[in-house]
PDB file of N, CA and C in Angstrom:
ATOM      1  N   MET A   1      -0.987  -9.220  21.204  1.00  0.00           N
ATOM      2  CA  MET A   1      -1.841  -7.822  20.049  1.00  0.00           C
ATOM      3  C   MET A   1      -0.666  -8.371  18.914  1.00  0.00           C
ATOM      4  N   ARG A   2      -0.125  -7.656  18.411  1.00  0.00           N
ATOM      5  CA  ARG A   2       1.073  -8.019  17.269  1.00  0.00           C
ATOM      6  C   ARG A   2       1.857  -6.890  16.853  1.00  0.00           C
ATOM      7  N   GLU A   3       2.611  -6.537  17.153  1.00  0.00           N
ATOM      8  CA  GLU A   3       4.001  -5.667  16.275  1.00  0.00           C
ATOM      9  C   GLU A   3       3.090  -5.015  15.503  1.00  0.00           C
ATOM     10  N   ARG A   4       3.472  -3.426  15.388  1.00  0.00           N
ATOM     11  CA  ARG A   4       2.712  -3.041  14.073  1.00  0.00           C
ATOM     12  C   ARG A   4       4.056  -2.649  13.249  1.00  0.00           C
ATOM     13  N   VAL A   5       4.166  -2.444  12.654  1.00  0.00           N
ATOM     14  CA  VAL A   5       5.043  -2.277  11.493  1.00  0.00           C
ATOM     15  C   VAL A   5       4.928  -1.298  10.182  1.00  0.00           C
ATOM     16  N   ARG A   6       6.573  -1.281   9.959  1.00  0.00           N
ATOM     17  CA  ARG A   6       5.599  -0.038   8.402  1.00  0.00           C
ATOM     18  C   ARG A   6       6.879  -0.159   7.648  1.00  0.00           C
ATOM     19  N   GLU A   7       6.493  -0.196   6.086  1.00  0.00           N
ATOM     20  CA  GLU A   7       7.048  -1.126   5.234  1.00  0.00           C
ATOM     21  C   GLU A   7       6.676   0.083   4.256  1.00  0.00           C
ATOM     22  N   ARG A   8       7.712   1.028   2.910  1.00  0.00           N
ATOM     23  CA  ARG A   8       7.747   2.024   2.346  1.00  0.00           C
ATOM     24  C   ARG A   8       8.118   0.755   1.150  1.00  0.00           C
ATOM     25  N   ILE A   9       6.636   0.854  -0.441  1.00  0.00           N
ATOM     26  CA  ILE A   9       5.959  -0.211  -1.040  1.00  0.00           C
ATOM     27  C   ILE A   9       6.263   0.529  -2.278  1.00  0.00           C
ATOM     28  N   THR A  10       7.450  -0.074  -3.603  1.00  0.00           N
ATOM     29  CA  THR A  10       7.011   0.402  -4.860  1.00  0.00           C
ATOM     30  C   THR A  10       7.110  -0.665  -4.883  1.00  0.00           C
ATOM     31  N   PHE A  11       5.486  -0.551  -6.023  1.00  0.00           N
ATOM     32  CA  PHE A  11       4.949  -1.105  -6.530  1.00  0.00           C
ATOM     33  C   PHE A  11       5.402  -1.029  -8.117  1.00  0.00           C
ATOM     34  N   SER A  12       4.987  -2.036  -9.139  1.00  0.00           N
ATOM     35  CA  SER A  12       5.680  -1.526 -11.089  1.00  0.00           C
ATOM     36  C   SER A  12       4.418  -2.565 -11.663  1.00  0.00           C
ATOM     37  N   GLY A  13       4.125  -2.562 -12.711  1.00  0.00           N
ATOM     38  CA  GLY A  13       3.355  -2.893 -13.693  1.00  0.00           C
ATOM     39  C   GLY A  13       2.519  -2.177 -14.296  1.00  0.00           C
ATOM     40  N   CYS A  14       1.673  -2.456 -14.788  1.00  0.00           N
ATOM     41  CA  CYS A  14       0.340  -1.486 -14.961  1.00  0.00           C
ATOM     42  C   CYS A  14      -0.461  -1.121 -13.119  1.00  0.00           C
ATOM     43  N   VAL A  15      -0.054  -0.561 -13.038  1.00  0.00           N
ATOM     44  CA  VAL A  15      -0.612   0.341 -11.518  1.00  0.00           C
ATOM     45  C   VAL A  15      -0.616   1.649 -11.504  1.00  0.00           C
ATOM     46  N   GLN A  16      -0.703   2.606 -12.940  1.00  0.00           N
ATOM     47  CA  GLN A  16      -1.144   3.089 -12.856  1.00  0.00           C
ATOM     48  C   GLN A  16      -2.855   3.848 -13.860  1.00  0.00           C
ATOM     49  N   GLY A  17      -3.633   4.716 -13.980  1.00  0.00           N
ATOM     50  CA  GLY A  17      -4.529   4.882 -14.410  1.00  0.00           C
ATOM     51  C   GLY A  17      -5.531   3.448 -14.764  1.00  0.00           C
ATOM     52  N   VAL A  18      -5.540   2.457 -13.299  1.00  0.00           N
ATOM     53  CA  VAL A  18      -6.707   1.534 -13.063  1.00  0.00           C
ATOM     54  C   VAL A  18      -7.412   1.623 -11.948  1.00  0.00           C
ATOM     55  N   GLY A  19      -6.970   2.957 -10.724  1.00  0.00           N
ATOM     56  CA  GLY A  19      -7.781   2.461  -9.878  1.00  0.00           C
ATOM     57  C   GLY A  19      -7.208   1.740  -8.158  1.00  0.00           C
ATOM     58  N   PHE A  20      -5.427   2.006  -8.900  1.00  0.00           N
ATOM     59  CA  PHE A  20      -4.954   1.303  -7.807  1.00  0.00           C
ATOM     60  C   PHE A  20      -4.800   2.030  -6.883  1.00  0.00           C
ATOM     61  N   ARG A  21      -4.594   3.513  -6.832  1.00  0.00           N
ATOM     62  CA  ARG A  21      -4.633   3.937  -5.687  1.00  0.00           C
ATOM     63  C   ARG A  21      -6.108   4.241  -4.499  1.00  0.00           C
ATOM     64  N   TYR A  22      -7.348   4.418  -5.048  1.00  0.00           N
ATOM     65  CA  TYR A  22      -8.301   4.646  -4.241  1.00  0.00           C
ATOM     66  C   TYR A  22      -8.585   2.223  -4.028  1.00  0.00           C
ATOM     67  N   LYS A  23      -8.237   1.151  -4.805  1.00  0.00           N
ATOM     68  CA  LYS A  23      -8.226   0.504  -4.042  1.00  0.00           C
ATOM     69  C   LYS A  23      -7.784  -0.119  -2.693  1.00  0.00           C
ATOM     70  N   ILE A  24      -6.193   0.563  -2.502  1.00  0.00           N
ATOM     71  CA  ILE A  24      -5.059   0.175  -1.372  1.00  0.00           C
ATOM     72  C   ILE A  24      -6.106   1.030  -0.849  1.00  0.00           C
ATOM     73  N   SER A  25      -6.105   2.357  -1.064  1.00  0.00           N
ATOM     74  CA  SER A  25      -6.978   3.394  -0.400  1.00  0.00           C
ATOM     75  C   SER A  25      -8.022   2.512   1.040  1.00  0.00           C
ATOM     76  N   ARG A  26      -8.811   2.184  -0.048  1.00  0.00           N
ATOM     77  CA  ARG A  26      -9.842   1.160   1.064  1.00  0.00           C
ATOM     78  C   ARG A  26     -10.030  -0.234   1.412  1.00  0.00           C
ATOM     79  N   LEU A  27      -8.774  -0.983   0.878  1.00  0.00           N
ATOM     80  CA  LEU A  27      -8.330  -2.005   1.744  1.00  0.00           C
ATOM     81  C   LEU A  27      -7.361  -1.689   2.946  1.00  0.00           C
ATOM     82  N   ALA A  28      -6.566  -0.382   2.924  1.00  0.00           N
ATOM     83  CA  ALA A  28      -6.049  -0.308   4.148  1.00  0.00           C
ATOM     84  C   ALA A  28      -7.179   0.110   5.413  1.00  0.00           C
ATOM     85  N   GLU A  29      -8.148   1.202   5.148  1.00  0.00           N
ATOM     86  CA  GLU A  29      -9.716   1.038   5.639  1.00  0.00           C
ATOM     87  C   GLU A  29      -9.512   0.312   5.936  1.00  0.00           C
ATOM     88  N   ALA A  30     -10.420  -1.127   5.534  1.00  0.00           N
ATOM     89  CA  ALA A  30     -11.189  -2.134   5.992  1.00  0.00           C
ATOM     90  C   ALA A  30      -9.958  -3.202   6.727  1.00  0.00           C
ATOM     91  N   TYR A  31      -8.690  -2.541   6.897  1.00  0.00           N
ATOM     92  CA  TYR A  31      -8.063  -3.718   7.569  1.00  0.00           C
ATOM     93  C   TYR A  31      -7.366  -3.238   8.556  1.00  0.00           C
ATOM     94  N   GLY A  32      -7.606  -1.210   8.413  1.00  0.00           N
ATOM     95  CA  GLY A  32      -6.988  -0.484   9.589  1.00  0.00           C
ATOM     96  C   GLY A  32      -5.636  -0.160   9.672  1.00  0.00           C
ATOM     97  N   VAL A  33      -4.962  -0.192   8.418  1.00  0.00           N
ATOM     98  CA  VAL A  33      -3.913   0.090   8.636  1.00  0.00           C
ATOM     99  C   VAL A  33      -3.806   1.829   8.183  1.00  0.00           C
ATOM    100  N   THR A  34      -2.738   2.005   8.562  1.00  0.00           N
ATOM    101  CA  THR A  34      -2.602   3.740   8.664  1.00  0.00           C
ATOM    102  C   THR A  34      -1.449   3.714   7.291  1.00  0.00           C
ATOM    103  N   GLY A  35      -1.326   5.245   6.507  1.00  0.00           N
ATOM    104  CA  GLY A  35      -0.588   5.045   5.438  1.00  0.00           C
ATOM    105  C   GLY A  35      -0.108   6.131   4.710  1.00  0.00           C
ATOM    106  N   TRP A  36       0.155   6.275   3.661  1.00  0.00           N
ATOM    107  CA  TRP A  36      -0.079   6.872   2.026  1.00  0.00           C
ATOM    108  C   TRP A  36       0.296   6.521   1.090  1.00  0.00           C
ATOM    109  N   VAL A  37      -0.537   6.751  -0.166  1.00  0.00           N
ATOM    110  CA  VAL A  37      -0.054   5.969  -1.413  1.00  0.00           C
ATOM    111  C   VAL A  37      -0.016   7.607  -3.134  1.00  0.00           C
ATOM    112  N   ARG A  38       1.273   6.608  -2.830  1.00  0.00           N
ATOM    113  CA  ARG A  38       0.698   8.158  -4.347  1.00  0.00           C
ATOM    114  C   ARG A  38       1.519   7.787  -5.642  1.00  0.00           C
ATOM    115  N   ASN A  39       1.486   7.855  -7.470  1.00  0.00           N
ATOM    116  CA  ASN A  39       1.819   7.489  -8.409  1.00  0.00           C
ATOM    117  C   ASN A  39       2.997   8.461  -8.540  1.00  0.00           C
ATOM    118  N   GLU A  40       4.490   7.833  -8.729  1.00  0.00           N
ATOM    119  CA  GLU A  40       4.952   8.507  -9.496  1.00  0.00           C
ATOM    120  C   GLU A  40       5.365   8.954 -11.036  1.00  0.00           C
ATOM    121  N   CYS A  41       5.943   9.908 -11.273  1.00  0.00           N
ATOM    122  CA  CYS A  41       5.988   9.868 -12.470  1.00  0.00           C
ATOM    123  C   CYS A  41       6.614   8.732 -13.380  1.00  0.00           C
ATOM    124  N   ASP A  42       7.955   7.948 -12.562  1.00  0.00           N
ATOM    125  CA  ASP A  42       8.661   6.772 -13.469  1.00  0.00           C
ATOM    126  C   ASP A  42       7.129   5.564 -14.203  1.00  0.00           C
ATOM    127  N   GLY A  43       5.973   5.645 -13.292  1.00  0.00           N
ATOM    128  CA  GLY A  43       4.868   4.966 -13.736  1.00  0.00           C
ATOM    129  C   GLY A  43       5.158   4.346 -12.648  1.00  0.00           C
ATOM    130  N   THR A  44       5.802   4.094 -11.308  1.00  0.00           N
ATOM    131  CA  THR A  44       5.212   3.335 -10.275  1.00  0.00           C
ATOM    132  C   THR A  44       4.209   4.088  -9.495  1.00  0.00           C
ATOM    133  N   VAL A  45       3.432   2.332  -8.750  1.00  0.00           N
ATOM    134  CA  VAL A  45       3.281   3.766  -7.101  1.00  0.00           C
ATOM    135  C   VAL A  45       3.587   3.628  -5.931  1.00  0.00           C
ATOM    136  N   SER A  46       4.275   4.734  -4.909  1.00  0.00           N
ATOM    137  CA  SER A  46       4.672   3.907  -3.922  1.00  0.00           C
ATOM    138  C   SER A  46       3.555   4.870  -2.517  1.00  0.00           C
ATOM    139  N   ALA A  47       3.926   3.507  -1.645  1.00  0.00           N
ATOM    140  CA  ALA A  47       3.534   3.753  -1.225  1.00  0.00           C
ATOM    141  C   ALA A  47       3.357   3.787   0.468  1.00  0.00           C
ATOM    142  N   GLU A  48       3.153   4.043   1.846  1.00  0.00           N
ATOM    143  CA  GLU A  48       4.020   3.680   2.870  1.00  0.00           C
ATOM    144  C   GLU A  48       2.597   3.607   4.020  1.00  0.00           C
ATOM    145  N   LEU A  49       3.435   1.772   4.115  1.00  0.00           N
ATOM    146  CA  LEU A  49       2.067   0.933   4.574  1.00  0.00           C
ATOM    147  C   LEU A  49       1.981   1.268   6.421  1.00  0.00           C
ATOM    148  N   GLN A  50       0.895   1.342   7.688  1.00  0.00           N
ATOM    149  CA  GLN A  50       1.674   0.604   8.913  1.00  0.00           C
ATOM    150  C   GLN A  50       1.429   0.051   9.703  1.00  0.00           C
ATOM    151  N   GLY A  51       1.079  -1.416   9.667  1.00  0.00           N
ATOM    152  CA  GLY A  51      -0.257  -2.046  10.306  1.00  0.00           C
ATOM    153  C   GLY A  51       1.353  -3.315  11.241  1.00  0.00           C
ATOM    154  N   THR A  52      -0.132  -4.226  10.824  1.00  0.00           N
ATOM    155  CA  THR A  52       1.149  -6.105  11.462  1.00  0.00           C
ATOM    156  C   THR A  52       1.612  -6.187   9.953  1.00  0.00           C
ATOM    157  N   VAL A  53       1.885  -7.642   9.846  1.00  0.00           N
ATOM    158  CA  VAL A  53       2.878  -7.779   8.461  1.00  0.00           C
ATOM    159  C   VAL A  53       1.878  -8.953   8.241  1.00  0.00           C
ATOM    160  N   PRO A  54       1.058  -9.746   8.696  1.00  0.00           N
ATOM    161  CA  PRO A  54      -0.005  -9.808   8.126  1.00  0.00           C
ATOM    162  C   PRO A  54      -1.426  -8.959   6.824  1.00  0.00           C
ATOM    163  N   GLU A  55      -1.694  -8.454   8.312  1.00  0.00           N
ATOM    164  CA  GLU A  55      -2.576  -6.924   7.341  1.00  0.00           C
ATOM    165  C   GLU A  55      -1.520  -6.447   6.587  1.00  0.00           C
ATOM    166  N   ILE A  56      -0.528  -6.367   6.345  1.00  0.00           N
ATOM    167  CA  ILE A  56       0.251  -5.834   4.986  1.00  0.00           C
ATOM    168  C   ILE A  56       0.161  -6.894   3.950  1.00  0.00           C
ATOM    169  N   ASP A  57       0.152  -7.530   4.508  1.00  0.00           N
ATOM    170  CA  ASP A  57       0.311  -8.529   3.020  1.00  0.00           C
ATOM    171  C   ASP A  57      -0.858  -9.041   2.722  1.00  0.00           C
ATOM    172  N   GLU A  58      -1.562  -8.842   3.326  1.00  0.00           N
ATOM    173  CA  GLU A  58      -3.636  -9.793   3.465  1.00  0.00           C
ATOM    174  C   GLU A  58      -3.278  -8.409   1.679  1.00  0.00           C
ATOM    175  N   ILE A  59      -3.628  -6.759   1.974  1.00  0.00           N
ATOM    176  CA  ILE A  59      -3.840  -6.156   1.203  1.00  0.00           C
ATOM    177  C   ILE A  59      -2.929  -6.110  -0.038  1.00  0.00           C
ATOM    178  N   ILE A  60      -1.318  -6.713   0.107  1.00  0.00           N
ATOM    179  CA  ILE A  60      -0.800  -6.515  -1.351  1.00  0.00           C
ATOM    180  C   ILE A  60      -1.862  -7.580  -2.099  1.00  0.00           C
ATOM    181  N   ARG A  61      -1.754  -8.711  -0.927  1.00  0.00           N
ATOM    182  CA  ARG A  61      -2.492 -10.196  -2.119  1.00  0.00           C
ATOM    183  C   ARG A  61      -4.000 -10.003  -2.208  1.00  0.00           C
ATOM    184  N   ARG A  62      -4.455  -8.932  -2.300  1.00  0.00           N
ATOM    185  CA  ARG A  62      -5.694  -8.743  -2.729  1.00  0.00           C
ATOM    186  C   ARG A  62      -5.908  -7.632  -4.136  1.00  0.00           C
ATOM    187  N   ILE A  63      -4.588  -6.758  -3.873  1.00  0.00           N
ATOM    188  CA  ILE A  63      -4.690  -5.946  -4.788  1.00  0.00           C
ATOM    189  C   ILE A  63      -3.832  -6.731  -5.944  1.00  0.00           C
ATOM    190  N   ASN A  64      -3.083  -7.904  -5.876  1.00  0.00           N
ATOM    191  CA  ASN A  64      -2.853  -8.256  -6.750  1.00  0.00           C
ATOM    192  C   ASN A  64      -3.977 -10.009  -7.672  1.00  0.00           C
ATOM    193  N   GLU A  65      -5.152  -9.955  -6.847  1.00  0.00           N
ATOM    194  CA  GLU A  65      -6.724  -9.863  -7.703  1.00  0.00           C
ATOM    195  C   GLU A  65      -7.066  -9.534  -8.167  1.00  0.00           C
ATOM    196  N   ASP A  66      -7.096  -8.296  -8.380  1.00  0.00           N
ATOM    197  CA  ASP A  66      -7.831  -7.600  -9.226  1.00  0.00           C
ATOM    198  C   ASP A  66      -7.674  -7.541 -10.966  1.00  0.00           C
ATOM    199  N   ARG A  67      -8.637  -7.772 -11.481  1.00  0.00           N
ATOM    200  CA  ARG A  67      -8.728  -7.941 -12.914  1.00  0.00           C
ATOM    201  C   ARG A  67      -7.882  -6.655 -13.709  1.00  0.00           C
ATOM    202  N   TYR A  68      -7.841  -5.745 -13.215  1.00  0.00           N
ATOM    203  CA  TYR A  68      -7.813  -4.441 -13.734  1.00  0.00           C
ATOM    204  C   TYR A  68      -6.207  -4.374 -13.594  1.00  0.00           C
ATOM    205  N   ILE A  69      -5.397  -4.703 -12.575  1.00  0.00           N
ATOM    206  CA  ILE A  69      -4.478  -4.613 -11.510  1.00  0.00           C
ATOM    207  C   ILE A  69      -2.922  -5.165 -12.143  1.00  0.00           C
ATOM    208  N   TYR A  70      -1.932  -5.222 -12.384  1.00  0.00           N
ATOM    209  CA  TYR A  70      -0.803  -6.665 -12.341  1.00  0.00           C
ATOM    210  C   TYR A  70       0.653  -5.925 -11.902  1.00  0.00           C
ATOM    211  N   LEU A  71       0.883  -7.130 -10.932  1.00  0.00           N
ATOM    212  CA  LEU A  71       1.913  -6.212 -10.592  1.00  0.00           C
ATOM    213  C   LEU A  71       3.189  -7.310 -11.324  1.00  0.00           C
ATOM    214  N   ASP A  72       4.479  -6.917 -11.556  1.00  0.00           N
ATOM    215  CA  ASP A  72       5.764  -6.853 -12.340  1.00  0.00           C
ATOM    216  C   ASP A  72       6.289  -7.146 -10.597  1.00  0.00           C
ATOM    217  N   ASP A  73       6.166  -5.811  -9.537  1.00  0.00           N
ATOM    218  CA  ASP A  73       7.619  -5.487  -9.110  1.00  0.00           C
ATOM    219  C   ASP A  73       6.440  -5.319  -7.627  1.00  0.00           C
ATOM    220  N   VAL A  74       7.538  -5.971  -6.570  1.00  0.00           N
ATOM    221  CA  VAL A  74       6.499  -5.872  -5.250  1.00  0.00           C
ATOM    222  C   VAL A  74       8.179  -5.457  -4.708  1.00  0.00           C
ATOM    223  N   GLN A  75       8.786  -3.875  -4.566  1.00  0.00           N
ATOM    224  CA  GLN A  75       9.584  -3.964  -3.267  1.00  0.00           C
ATOM    225  C   GLN A  75       9.221  -3.588  -1.694  1.00  0.00           C
ATOM    226  N   ARG A  76       9.445  -4.574  -0.622  1.00  0.00           N
ATOM    227  CA  ARG A  76       9.405  -4.225   0.683  1.00  0.00           C
ATOM    228  C   ARG A  76      10.015  -3.419   1.401  1.00  0.00           C
ATOM    229  N   THR A  77      10.566  -2.593   1.718  1.00  0.00           N
ATOM    230  CA  THR A  77      11.258  -2.107   2.800  1.00  0.00           C
ATOM    231  C   THR A  77      10.465  -1.570   4.242  1.00  0.00           C
ATOM    232  N   ARG A  78      11.323  -1.828   5.640  1.00  0.00           N
ATOM    233  CA  ARG A  78      10.637  -1.442   6.570  1.00  0.00           C
ATOM    234  C   ARG A  78      11.633  -0.424   6.870  1.00  0.00           C
ATOM    235  N   ILE A  79      11.090   0.993   7.575  1.00  0.00           N
ATOM    236  CA  ILE A  79      10.886   1.460   7.730  1.00  0.00           C
ATOM    237  C   ILE A  79      10.184   1.958   8.972  1.00  0.00           C
ATOM    238  N   GLU A  80      10.850   3.043   9.851  1.00  0.00           N
ATOM    239  CA  GLU A  80      10.592   3.325  11.321  1.00  0.00           C
ATOM    240  C   GLU A  80       9.486   3.635  11.487  1.00  0.00           C
ATOM    241  N   THR A  81       7.626   3.019  12.347  1.00  0.00           N
ATOM    242  CA  THR A  81       6.401   3.817  12.844  1.00  0.00           C
ATOM    243  C   THR A  81       6.917   4.833  12.852  1.00  0.00           C
ATOM    244  N   VAL A  82       5.404   5.638  12.205  1.00  0.00           N
ATOM    245  CA  VAL A  82       4.752   6.610  12.521  1.00  0.00           C
ATOM    246  C   VAL A  82       3.914   6.800  13.494  1.00  0.00           C
ATOM    247  N   SER A  83       3.867   6.841  14.914  1.00  0.00           N
ATOM    248  CA  SER A  83       3.521   7.056  16.279  1.00  0.00           C
ATOM    249  C   SER A  83       1.827   7.726  16.413  1.00  0.00           C
ATOM    250  N   ASP A  84       2.177   8.787  15.500  1.00  0.00           N
ATOM    251  CA  ASP A  84       1.071   9.822  16.104  1.00  0.00           C
ATOM    252  C   ASP A  84       0.142   9.392  14.243  1.00  0.00           C
ATOM    253  N   GLU A  85       0.113   8.512  13.487  1.00  0.00           N
ATOM    254  CA  GLU A  85      -0.208   8.580  12.305  1.00  0.00           C
ATOM    255  C   GLU A  85      -2.105   8.031  12.415  1.00  0.00           C
ATOM    256  N   ARG A  86      -3.099   8.511  11.866  1.00  0.00           N
ATOM    257  CA  ARG A  86      -4.259   7.016  11.868  1.00  0.00           C
ATOM    258  C   ARG A  86      -4.981   7.423  11.163  1.00  0.00           C
ATOM    259  N   ASN A  87      -4.439   7.692   9.711  1.00  0.00           N
ATOM    260  CA  ASN A  87      -5.152   6.967   9.813  1.00  0.00           C
ATOM    261  C   ASN A  87      -4.791   7.092   7.649  1.00  0.00           C
ATOM    262  N   PHE A  88      -5.595   6.970   6.581  1.00  0.00           N
ATOM    263  CA  PHE A  88      -4.868   6.226   4.953  1.00  0.00           C
ATOM    264  C   PHE A  88      -5.418   7.419   3.945  1.00  0.00           C
ATOM    265  N   SER A  89      -4.376   7.813   3.544  1.00  0.00           N
ATOM    266  CA  SER A  89      -4.567   8.627   2.486  1.00  0.00           C
ATOM    267  C   SER A  89      -4.358   8.979   0.907  1.00  0.00           C
ATOM    268  N   VAL A  90      -4.460   9.126   0.342  1.00  0.00           N
ATOM    269  CA  VAL A  90      -4.061   9.530  -1.762  1.00  0.00           C
ATOM    270  C   VAL A  90      -3.065  10.495  -1.335  1.00  0.00           C
ATOM    271  N   ARG A  91      -2.071  10.474  -2.020  1.00  0.00           N
ATOM    272  CA  ARG A  91      -1.193  11.993  -2.243  1.00  0.00           C
ATOM    273  C   ARG A  91      -1.680  11.318  -3.734  1.00  0.00           C
ATOM    274  N   TYR A  92      -1.375  13.293  -4.200  1.00  0.00           N
ATOM    275  CA  TYR A  92      -0.746  14.399  -5.611  1.00  0.00           C
ATOM    276  C   TYR A  92      -0.253  14.098  -6.134  1.00  0.00           C
TER     277      TYR A  92
END
């Protein structure tokens, strides 16, 4: 079994008003990744994703393929895992 990690990720570009949070939520559920996603006041989207590195990489790759979403930058920081987290949520 591959090691589960948690990453704090900030997405910038055309990421608000294009269904970004719901797309990442559906992808996270499909890959068994836990965490959360939310819009920020500065126009970015923040997320914490917990899963294997290949799962997180694939989610980001699939988001970048969406025709309505355009990523200028993706900043990823490894953080401590949350052992009792069981799902993925969209925060408001």
